[in-house]
């Protein structure tokens, strides 16, 4: 389950790939979850050392920061899988 959007494509440019999490709930509030239920939405942000319930946005931008493509996946999806 994911959503993908492509804005434009150009040959020979430099691209930057990154992902970030969008928290709907923190781990200790998971019992209140009404949206994003299930293990696939339970993710981990290594840089913050935090578990969360929500989604991840995987994005490709050009060298000046203009989005080229993005993909929205459940929180448990790693950047390699997306």
PDB file of N, CA and C in Angstrom:
ATOM      1  N   UNK A   1       0.842  -1.180   0.000  1.00  0.00           N
ATOM      2  CA  UNK A   1       0.000   0.000   0.000  1.00  0.00           C
ATOM      3  C   UNK A   1       0.883   1.238   0.000  1.00  0.00           C
ATOM      4  N   UNK A   2       0.814   2.007  -1.049  1.00  0.00           N
ATOM      5  CA  UNK A   2       1.569   3.248  -1.098  1.00  0.00           C
ATOM      6  C   UNK A   2       0.959   4.183  -2.132  1.00  0.00           C
ATOM      7  N   UNK A   3       1.340   5.433  -2.047  1.00  0.00           N
ATOM      8  CA  UNK A   3       0.917   6.459  -2.988  1.00  0.00           C
ATOM      9  C   UNK A   3       2.169   7.034  -3.625  1.00  0.00           C
ATOM     10  N   UNK A   4       2.145   7.202  -4.936  1.00  0.00           N
ATOM     11  CA  UNK A   4       3.326   7.682  -5.634  1.00  0.00           C
ATOM     12  C   UNK A   4       2.934   8.803  -6.584  1.00  0.00           C
ATOM     13  N   UNK A   5       3.752   9.847  -6.651  1.00  0.00           N
ATOM     14  CA  UNK A   5       3.494  10.973  -7.536  1.00  0.00           C
ATOM     15  C   UNK A   5       4.791  11.383  -8.214  1.00  0.00           C
ATOM     16  N   UNK A   6       4.745  11.554  -9.521  1.00  0.00           N
ATOM     17  CA  UNK A   6       5.911  11.975 -10.289  1.00  0.00           C
ATOM     18  C   UNK A   6       5.626  13.365 -10.847  1.00  0.00           C
ATOM     19  N   UNK A   7       6.478  14.331 -10.526  1.00  0.00           N
ATOM     20  CA  UNK A   7       6.286  15.695 -10.997  1.00  0.00           C
ATOM     21  C   UNK A   7       6.910  15.920 -12.377  1.00  0.00           C
ATOM     22  N   UNK A   8       8.159  15.500 -12.549  1.00  0.00           N
ATOM     23  CA  UNK A   8       8.839  15.679 -13.831  1.00  0.00           C
ATOM     24  C   UNK A   8      10.083  14.808 -13.866  1.00  0.00           C
ATOM     25  N   UNK A   9      10.614  14.591 -15.043  1.00  0.00           N
ATOM     26  CA  UNK A   9      11.848  13.821 -15.198  1.00  0.00           C
ATOM     27  C   UNK A   9      12.769  14.535 -16.163  1.00  0.00           C
ATOM     28  N   UNK A  10      14.041  14.620 -15.795  1.00  0.00           N
ATOM     29  CA  UNK A  10      15.052  15.192 -16.668  1.00  0.00           C
ATOM     30  C   UNK A  10      16.275  14.297 -16.641  1.00  0.00           C
ATOM     31  N   UNK A  11      16.961  14.218 -17.753  1.00  0.00           N
ATOM     32  CA  UNK A  11      18.174  13.417 -17.857  1.00  0.00           C
ATOM     33  C   UNK A  11      19.384  14.254 -17.433  1.00  0.00           C
ATOM     34  N   UNK A  12      20.359  13.621 -16.788  1.00  0.00           N
ATOM     35  CA  UNK A  12      21.622  14.260 -16.492  1.00  0.00           C
ATOM     36  C   UNK A  12      21.641  15.215 -15.313  1.00  0.00           C
ATOM     37  N   UNK A  13      20.638  15.207 -14.468  1.00  0.00           N
ATOM     38  CA  UNK A  13      20.625  16.090 -13.298  1.00  0.00           C
ATOM     39  C   UNK A  13      21.121  15.344 -12.066  1.00  0.00           C
ATOM     40  N   UNK A  14      21.411  16.086 -11.017  1.00  0.00           N
ATOM     41  CA  UNK A  14      21.783  15.519  -9.724  1.00  0.00           C
ATOM     42  C   UNK A  14      20.526  15.458  -8.871  1.00  0.00           C
ATOM     43  N   UNK A  15      20.276  14.293  -8.247  1.00  0.00           N
ATOM     44  CA  UNK A  15      19.092  14.110  -7.427  1.00  0.00           C
ATOM     45  C   UNK A  15      19.475  13.742  -6.002  1.00  0.00           C
ATOM     46  N   UNK A  16      18.646  14.122  -5.053  1.00  0.00           N
ATOM     47  CA  UNK A  16      18.839  13.807  -3.638  1.00  0.00           C
ATOM     48  C   UNK A  16      17.639  12.983  -3.195  1.00  0.00           C
ATOM     49  N   UNK A  17      17.893  11.863  -2.519  1.00  0.00           N
ATOM     50  CA  UNK A  17      16.847  10.961  -2.063  1.00  0.00           C
ATOM     51  C   UNK A  17      16.850  10.950  -0.544  1.00  0.00           C
ATOM     52  N   UNK A  18      15.679  11.128   0.070  1.00  0.00           N
ATOM     53  CA  UNK A  18      15.575  11.093   1.526  1.00  0.00           C
ATOM     54  C   UNK A  18      14.160  10.697   1.910  1.00  0.00           C
ATOM     55  N   UNK A  19      13.975  10.368   3.174  1.00  0.00           N
ATOM     56  CA  UNK A  19      12.640  10.056   3.674  1.00  0.00           C
ATOM     57  C   UNK A  19      12.470  10.660   5.058  1.00  0.00           C
ATOM     58  N   UNK A  20      11.216  10.895   5.423  1.00  0.00           N
ATOM     59  CA  UNK A  20      10.909  11.413   6.753  1.00  0.00           C
ATOM     60  C   UNK A  20       9.573  10.844   7.205  1.00  0.00           C
ATOM     61  N   UNK A  21       9.414  10.758   8.515  1.00  0.00           N
ATOM     62  CA  UNK A  21       8.190  10.187   9.062  1.00  0.00           C
ATOM     63  C   UNK A  21       7.180  11.295   9.366  1.00  0.00           C
ATOM     64  N   UNK A  22       5.912  10.929   9.254  1.00  0.00           N
ATOM     65  CA  UNK A  22       4.810  11.820   9.613  1.00  0.00           C
ATOM     66  C   UNK A  22       4.040  11.098  10.707  1.00  0.00           C
ATOM     67  N   UNK A  23       4.262  11.551  11.945  1.00  0.00           N
ATOM     68  CA  UNK A  23       3.657  10.873  13.096  1.00  0.00           C
ATOM     69  C   UNK A  23       2.184  11.246  13.244  1.00  0.00           C
ATOM     70  N   UNK A  24       1.343  10.239  13.391  1.00  0.00           N
ATOM     71  CA  UNK A  24      -0.044  10.475  13.758  1.00  0.00           C
ATOM     72  C   UNK A  24      -0.193  10.297  15.271  1.00  0.00           C
ATOM     73  N   UNK A  25       0.549   9.342  15.823  1.00  0.00           N
ATOM     74  CA  UNK A  25       0.528   9.052  17.256  1.00  0.00           C
ATOM     75  C   UNK A  25       1.928   8.673  17.685  1.00  0.00           C
ATOM     76  N   UNK A  26       2.270   8.981  18.912  1.00  0.00           N
ATOM     77  CA  UNK A  26       3.499   8.461  19.475  1.00  0.00           C
ATOM     78  C   UNK A  26       3.209   7.066  20.008  1.00  0.00           C
ATOM     79  N   UNK A  27       4.255   6.318  20.275  1.00  0.00           N
ATOM     80  CA  UNK A  27       4.103   4.919  20.644  1.00  0.00           C
ATOM     81  C   UNK A  27       3.241   4.726  21.888  1.00  0.00           C
ATOM     82  N   UNK A  28       3.371   5.583  22.893  1.00  0.00           N
ATOM     83  CA  UNK A  28       2.621   5.403  24.138  1.00  0.00           C
ATOM     84  C   UNK A  28       1.135   5.768  23.988  1.00  0.00           C
ATOM     85  N   UNK A  29       0.736   6.362  22.870  1.00  0.00           N
ATOM     86  CA  UNK A  29      -0.668   6.703  22.641  1.00  0.00           C
ATOM     87  C   UNK A  29      -1.319   5.791  21.603  1.00  0.00           C
ATOM     88  N   UNK A  30      -0.687   4.662  21.312  1.00  0.00           N
ATOM     89  CA  UNK A  30      -1.159   3.785  20.244  1.00  0.00           C
ATOM     90  C   UNK A  30      -2.528   3.172  20.530  1.00  0.00           C
ATOM     91  N   UNK A  31      -2.898   3.030  21.776  1.00  0.00           N
ATOM     92  CA  UNK A  31      -4.202   2.452  22.098  1.00  0.00           C
ATOM     93  C   UNK A  31      -5.349   3.360  21.666  1.00  0.00           C
ATOM     94  N   UNK A  32      -5.079   4.630  21.407  1.00  0.00           N
ATOM     95  CA  UNK A  32      -6.101   5.580  20.963  1.00  0.00           C
ATOM     96  C   UNK A  32      -6.229   5.652  19.437  1.00  0.00           C
ATOM     97  N   UNK A  33      -5.429   4.899  18.731  1.00  0.00           N
ATOM     98  CA  UNK A  33      -5.363   5.010  17.271  1.00  0.00           C
ATOM     99  C   UNK A  33      -6.698   4.707  16.614  1.00  0.00           C
ATOM    100  N   UNK A  34      -7.180   5.652  15.816  1.00  0.00           N
ATOM    101  CA  UNK A  34      -8.399   5.456  15.035  1.00  0.00           C
ATOM    102  C   UNK A  34      -8.063   5.306  13.561  1.00  0.00           C
ATOM    103  N   UNK A  35      -7.028   6.024  13.114  1.00  0.00           N
ATOM    104  CA  UNK A  35      -6.505   5.819  11.768  1.00  0.00           C
ATOM    105  C   UNK A  35      -5.111   5.236  11.905  1.00  0.00           C
ATOM    106  N   UNK A  36      -4.593   4.681  10.864  1.00  0.00           N
ATOM    107  CA  UNK A  36      -3.275   4.049  10.864  1.00  0.00           C
ATOM    108  C   UNK A  36      -3.192   2.934  11.901  1.00  0.00           C
ATOM    109  N   UNK A  37      -4.202   2.068  11.930  1.00  0.00           N
ATOM    110  CA  UNK A  37      -4.171   0.909  12.825  1.00  0.00           C
ATOM    111  C   UNK A  37      -3.375  -0.206  12.160  1.00  0.00           C
ATOM    112  N   UNK A  38      -2.728  -0.999  12.944  1.00  0.00           N
ATOM    113  CA  UNK A  38      -2.011  -2.159  12.429  1.00  0.00           C
ATOM    114  C   UNK A  38      -0.510  -2.004  12.512  1.00  0.00           C
ATOM    115  N   UNK A  39       0.156  -3.158  12.405  1.00  0.00           N
ATOM    116  CA  UNK A  39       1.611  -3.181  12.537  1.00  0.00           C
ATOM    117  C   UNK A  39       2.324  -2.480  11.393  1.00  0.00           C
ATOM    118  N   UNK A  40       1.716  -2.432  10.212  1.00  0.00           N
ATOM    119  CA  UNK A  40       2.417  -1.806   9.082  1.00  0.00           C
ATOM    120  C   UNK A  40       2.616  -0.307   9.280  1.00  0.00           C
ATOM    121  N   UNK A  41       1.815   0.326  10.136  1.00  0.00           N
ATOM    122  CA  UNK A  41       1.957   1.760  10.399  1.00  0.00           C
ATOM    123  C   UNK A  41       2.816   2.050  11.628  1.00  0.00           C
ATOM    124  N   UNK A  42       3.349   0.999  12.279  1.00  0.00           N
ATOM    125  CA  UNK A  42       4.207   1.168  13.453  1.00  0.00           C
ATOM    126  C   UNK A  42       5.649   1.228  12.972  1.00  0.00           C
ATOM    127  N   UNK A  43       6.241   2.421  13.000  1.00  0.00           N
ATOM    128  CA  UNK A  43       7.586   2.613  12.481  1.00  0.00           C
ATOM    129  C   UNK A  43       8.566   3.081  13.530  1.00  0.00           C
ATOM    130  N   UNK A  44       9.808   3.215  13.108  1.00  0.00           N
ATOM    131  CA  UNK A  44      10.893   3.636  13.991  1.00  0.00           C
ATOM    132  C   UNK A  44      11.723   4.693  13.279  1.00  0.00           C
ATOM    133  N   UNK A  45      12.001   5.789  13.968  1.00  0.00           N
ATOM    134  CA  UNK A  45      12.881   6.828  13.446  1.00  0.00           C
ATOM    135  C   UNK A  45      14.218   6.702  14.163  1.00  0.00           C
ATOM    136  N   UNK A  46      15.226   6.208  13.453  1.00  0.00           N
ATOM    137  CA  UNK A  46      16.527   5.932  14.069  1.00  0.00           C
ATOM    138  C   UNK A  46      17.216   7.203  14.541  1.00  0.00           C
ATOM    139  N   UNK A  47      17.097   8.283  13.797  1.00  0.00           N
ATOM    140  CA  UNK A  47      17.788   9.522  14.174  1.00  0.00           C
ATOM    141  C   UNK A  47      17.254  10.110  15.477  1.00  0.00           C
ATOM    142  N   UNK A  48      15.973   9.868  15.763  1.00  0.00           N
ATOM    143  CA  UNK A  48      15.375  10.366  17.008  1.00  0.00           C
ATOM    144  C   UNK A  48      15.223   9.275  18.052  1.00  0.00           C
ATOM    145  N   UNK A  49      15.507   8.030  17.661  1.00  0.00           N
ATOM    146  CA  UNK A  49      15.361   6.861  18.526  1.00  0.00           C
ATOM    147  C   UNK A  49      13.946   6.791  19.100  1.00  0.00           C
ATOM    148  N   UNK A  50      12.954   6.928  18.216  1.00  0.00           N
ATOM    149  CA  UNK A  50      11.549   6.932  18.624  1.00  0.00           C
ATOM    150  C   UNK A  50      10.718   6.004  17.752  1.00  0.00           C
ATOM    151  N   UNK A  51       9.771   5.333  18.385  1.00  0.00           N
ATOM    152  CA  UNK A  51       8.762   4.579  17.664  1.00  0.00           C
ATOM    153  C   UNK A  51       7.558   5.487  17.455  1.00  0.00           C
ATOM    154  N   UNK A  52       6.804   5.244  16.392  1.00  0.00           N
ATOM    155  CA  UNK A  52       5.647   6.083  16.092  1.00  0.00           C
ATOM    156  C   UNK A  52       4.614   5.284  15.307  1.00  0.00           C
ATOM    157  N   UNK A  53       3.410   5.789  15.251  1.00  0.00           N
ATOM    158  CA  UNK A  53       2.372   5.285  14.364  1.00  0.00           C
ATOM    159  C   UNK A  53       2.110   6.361  13.330  1.00  0.00           C
ATOM    160  N   UNK A  54       2.194   6.004  12.063  1.00  0.00           N
ATOM    161  CA  UNK A  54       1.957   6.979  11.003  1.00  0.00           C
ATOM    162  C   UNK A  54       2.463   6.495   9.668  1.00  0.00           C
ATOM    163  N   UNK A  55       2.904   7.440   8.850  1.00  0.00           N
ATOM    164  CA  UNK A  55       3.360   7.142   7.505  1.00  0.00           C
ATOM    165  C   UNK A  55       4.760   7.698   7.291  1.00  0.00           C
ATOM    166  N   UNK A  56       5.397   7.267   6.205  1.00  0.00           N
ATOM    167  CA  UNK A  56       6.688   7.819   5.800  1.00  0.00           C
ATOM    168  C   UNK A  56       6.558   8.391   4.397  1.00  0.00           C
ATOM    169  N   UNK A  57       7.233   9.496   4.180  1.00  0.00           N
ATOM    170  CA  UNK A  57       7.283  10.117   2.861  1.00  0.00           C
ATOM    171  C   UNK A  57       8.708   9.939   2.343  1.00  0.00           C
ATOM    172  N   UNK A  58       8.848   9.284   1.201  1.00  0.00           N
ATOM    173  CA  UNK A  58      10.134   9.083   0.545  1.00  0.00           C
ATOM    174  C   UNK A  58      10.152  10.037  -0.643  1.00  0.00           C
ATOM    175  N   UNK A  59      11.159  10.898  -0.709  1.00  0.00           N
ATOM    176  CA  UNK A  59      11.138  11.968  -1.691  1.00  0.00           C
ATOM    177  C   UNK A  59      12.453  12.051  -2.464  1.00  0.00           C
ATOM    178  N   UNK A  60      12.330  12.377  -3.745  1.00  0.00           N
ATOM    179  CA  UNK A  60      13.473  12.667  -4.599  1.00  0.00           C
ATOM    180  C   UNK A  60      13.364  14.134  -4.998  1.00  0.00           C
ATOM    181  N   UNK A  61      14.430  14.899  -4.745  1.00  0.00           N
ATOM    182  CA  UNK A  61      14.448  16.318  -5.114  1.00  0.00           C
ATOM    183  C   UNK A  61      15.671  16.565  -5.993  1.00  0.00           C
ATOM    184  N   UNK A  62      15.620  17.666  -6.751  1.00  0.00           N
ATOM    185  CA  UNK A  62      16.797  18.016  -7.545  1.00  0.00           C
ATOM    186  C   UNK A  62      17.775  18.800  -6.674  1.00  0.00           C
ATOM    187  N   UNK A  63      18.860  19.249  -7.269  1.00  0.00           N
ATOM    188  CA  UNK A  63      19.933  19.862  -6.478  1.00  0.00           C
ATOM    189  C   UNK A  63      19.559  21.193  -5.839  1.00  0.00           C
ATOM    190  N   UNK A  64      18.482  21.834  -6.291  1.00  0.00           N
ATOM    191  CA  UNK A  64      18.048  23.080  -5.648  1.00  0.00           C
ATOM    192  C   UNK A  64      16.843  22.875  -4.730  1.00  0.00           C
ATOM    193  N   UNK A  65      16.399  21.625  -4.574  1.00  0.00           N
ATOM    194  CA  UNK A  65      15.344  21.309  -3.620  1.00  0.00           C
ATOM    195  C   UNK A  65      13.941  21.217  -4.185  1.00  0.00           C
ATOM    196  N   UNK A  66      13.788  21.232  -5.491  1.00  0.00           N
ATOM    197  CA  UNK A  66      12.457  21.112  -6.090  1.00  0.00           C
ATOM    198  C   UNK A  66      12.079  19.636  -6.156  1.00  0.00           C
ATOM    199  N   UNK A  67      10.904  19.264  -5.624  1.00  0.00           N
ATOM    200  CA  UNK A  67      10.501  17.852  -5.638  1.00  0.00           C
ATOM    201  C   UNK A  67      10.339  17.308  -7.058  1.00  0.00           C
ATOM    202  N   UNK A  68      10.880  16.125  -7.273  1.00  0.00           N
ATOM    203  CA  UNK A  68      10.768  15.429  -8.546  1.00  0.00           C
ATOM    204  C   UNK A  68       9.747  14.303  -8.415  1.00  0.00           C
ATOM    205  N   UNK A  69       9.841  13.538  -7.326  1.00  0.00           N
ATOM    206  CA  UNK A  69       8.971  12.395  -7.117  1.00  0.00           C
ATOM    207  C   UNK A  69       8.851  12.149  -5.616  1.00  0.00           C
ATOM    208  N   UNK A  70       7.681  11.684  -5.183  1.00  0.00           N
ATOM    209  CA  UNK A  70       7.544  11.268  -3.796  1.00  0.00           C
ATOM    210  C   UNK A  70       6.646  10.057  -3.712  1.00  0.00           C
ATOM    211  N   UNK A  71       6.788   9.344  -2.622  1.00  0.00           N
ATOM    212  CA  UNK A  71       6.040   8.114  -2.391  1.00  0.00           C
ATOM    213  C   UNK A  71       5.649   8.096  -0.917  1.00  0.00           C
ATOM    214  N   UNK A  72       4.390   7.817  -0.626  1.00  0.00           N
ATOM    215  CA  UNK A  72       3.898   7.732   0.757  1.00  0.00           C
ATOM    216  C   UNK A  72       3.655   6.267   1.074  1.00  0.00           C
ATOM    217  N   UNK A  73       4.290   5.787   2.145  1.00  0.00           N
ATOM    218  CA  UNK A  73       4.187   4.389   2.532  1.00  0.00           C
ATOM    219  C   UNK A  73       3.837   4.279   4.018  1.00  0.00           C
ATOM    220  N   UNK A  74       3.398   3.104   4.487  1.00  0.00           N
ATOM    221  CA  UNK A  74       3.184   2.920   5.923  1.00  0.00           C
ATOM    222  C   UNK A  74       4.478   3.127   6.703  1.00  0.00           C
ATOM    223  N   UNK A  75       4.389   3.429   7.967  1.00  0.00           N
ATOM    224  CA  UNK A  75       5.542   3.760   8.790  1.00  0.00           C
ATOM    225  C   UNK A  75       6.585   2.676   8.921  1.00  0.00           C
ATOM    226  N   UNK A  76       6.222   1.417   8.752  1.00  0.00           N
ATOM    227  CA  UNK A  76       7.190   0.337   8.929  1.00  0.00           C
ATOM    228  C   UNK A  76       8.047   0.112   7.688  1.00  0.00           C
ATOM    229  N   UNK A  77       7.747   0.749   6.573  1.00  0.00           N
ATOM    230  CA  UNK A  77       8.504   0.568   5.339  1.00  0.00           C
ATOM    231  C   UNK A  77       9.851   1.262   5.443  1.00  0.00           C
ATOM    232  N   UNK A  78      10.917   0.531   5.108  1.00  0.00           N
ATOM    233  CA  UNK A  78      12.245   1.150   5.141  1.00  0.00           C
ATOM    234  C   UNK A  78      12.512   1.891   3.845  1.00  0.00           C
ATOM    235  N   UNK A  79      13.512   2.736   3.852  1.00  0.00           N
ATOM    236  CA  UNK A  79      13.857   3.511   2.669  1.00  0.00           C
ATOM    237  C   UNK A  79      14.347   2.630   1.527  1.00  0.00           C
ATOM    238  N   UNK A  80      14.942   1.499   1.844  1.00  0.00           N
ATOM    239  CA  UNK A  80      15.437   0.591   0.815  1.00  0.00           C
ATOM    240  C   UNK A  80      14.279  -0.073   0.089  1.00  0.00           C
ATOM    241  N   UNK A  81      13.213  -0.410   0.817  1.00  0.00           N
ATOM    242  CA  UNK A  81      12.045  -1.060   0.214  1.00  0.00           C
ATOM    243  C   UNK A  81      11.263  -0.113  -0.677  1.00  0.00           C
ATOM    244  N   UNK A  82      11.236   1.174  -0.325  1.00  0.00           N
ATOM    245  CA  UNK A  82      10.439   2.128  -1.085  1.00  0.00           C
ATOM    246  C   UNK A  82      11.156   2.459  -2.360  1.00  0.00           C
TER     247      UNK A  82
END
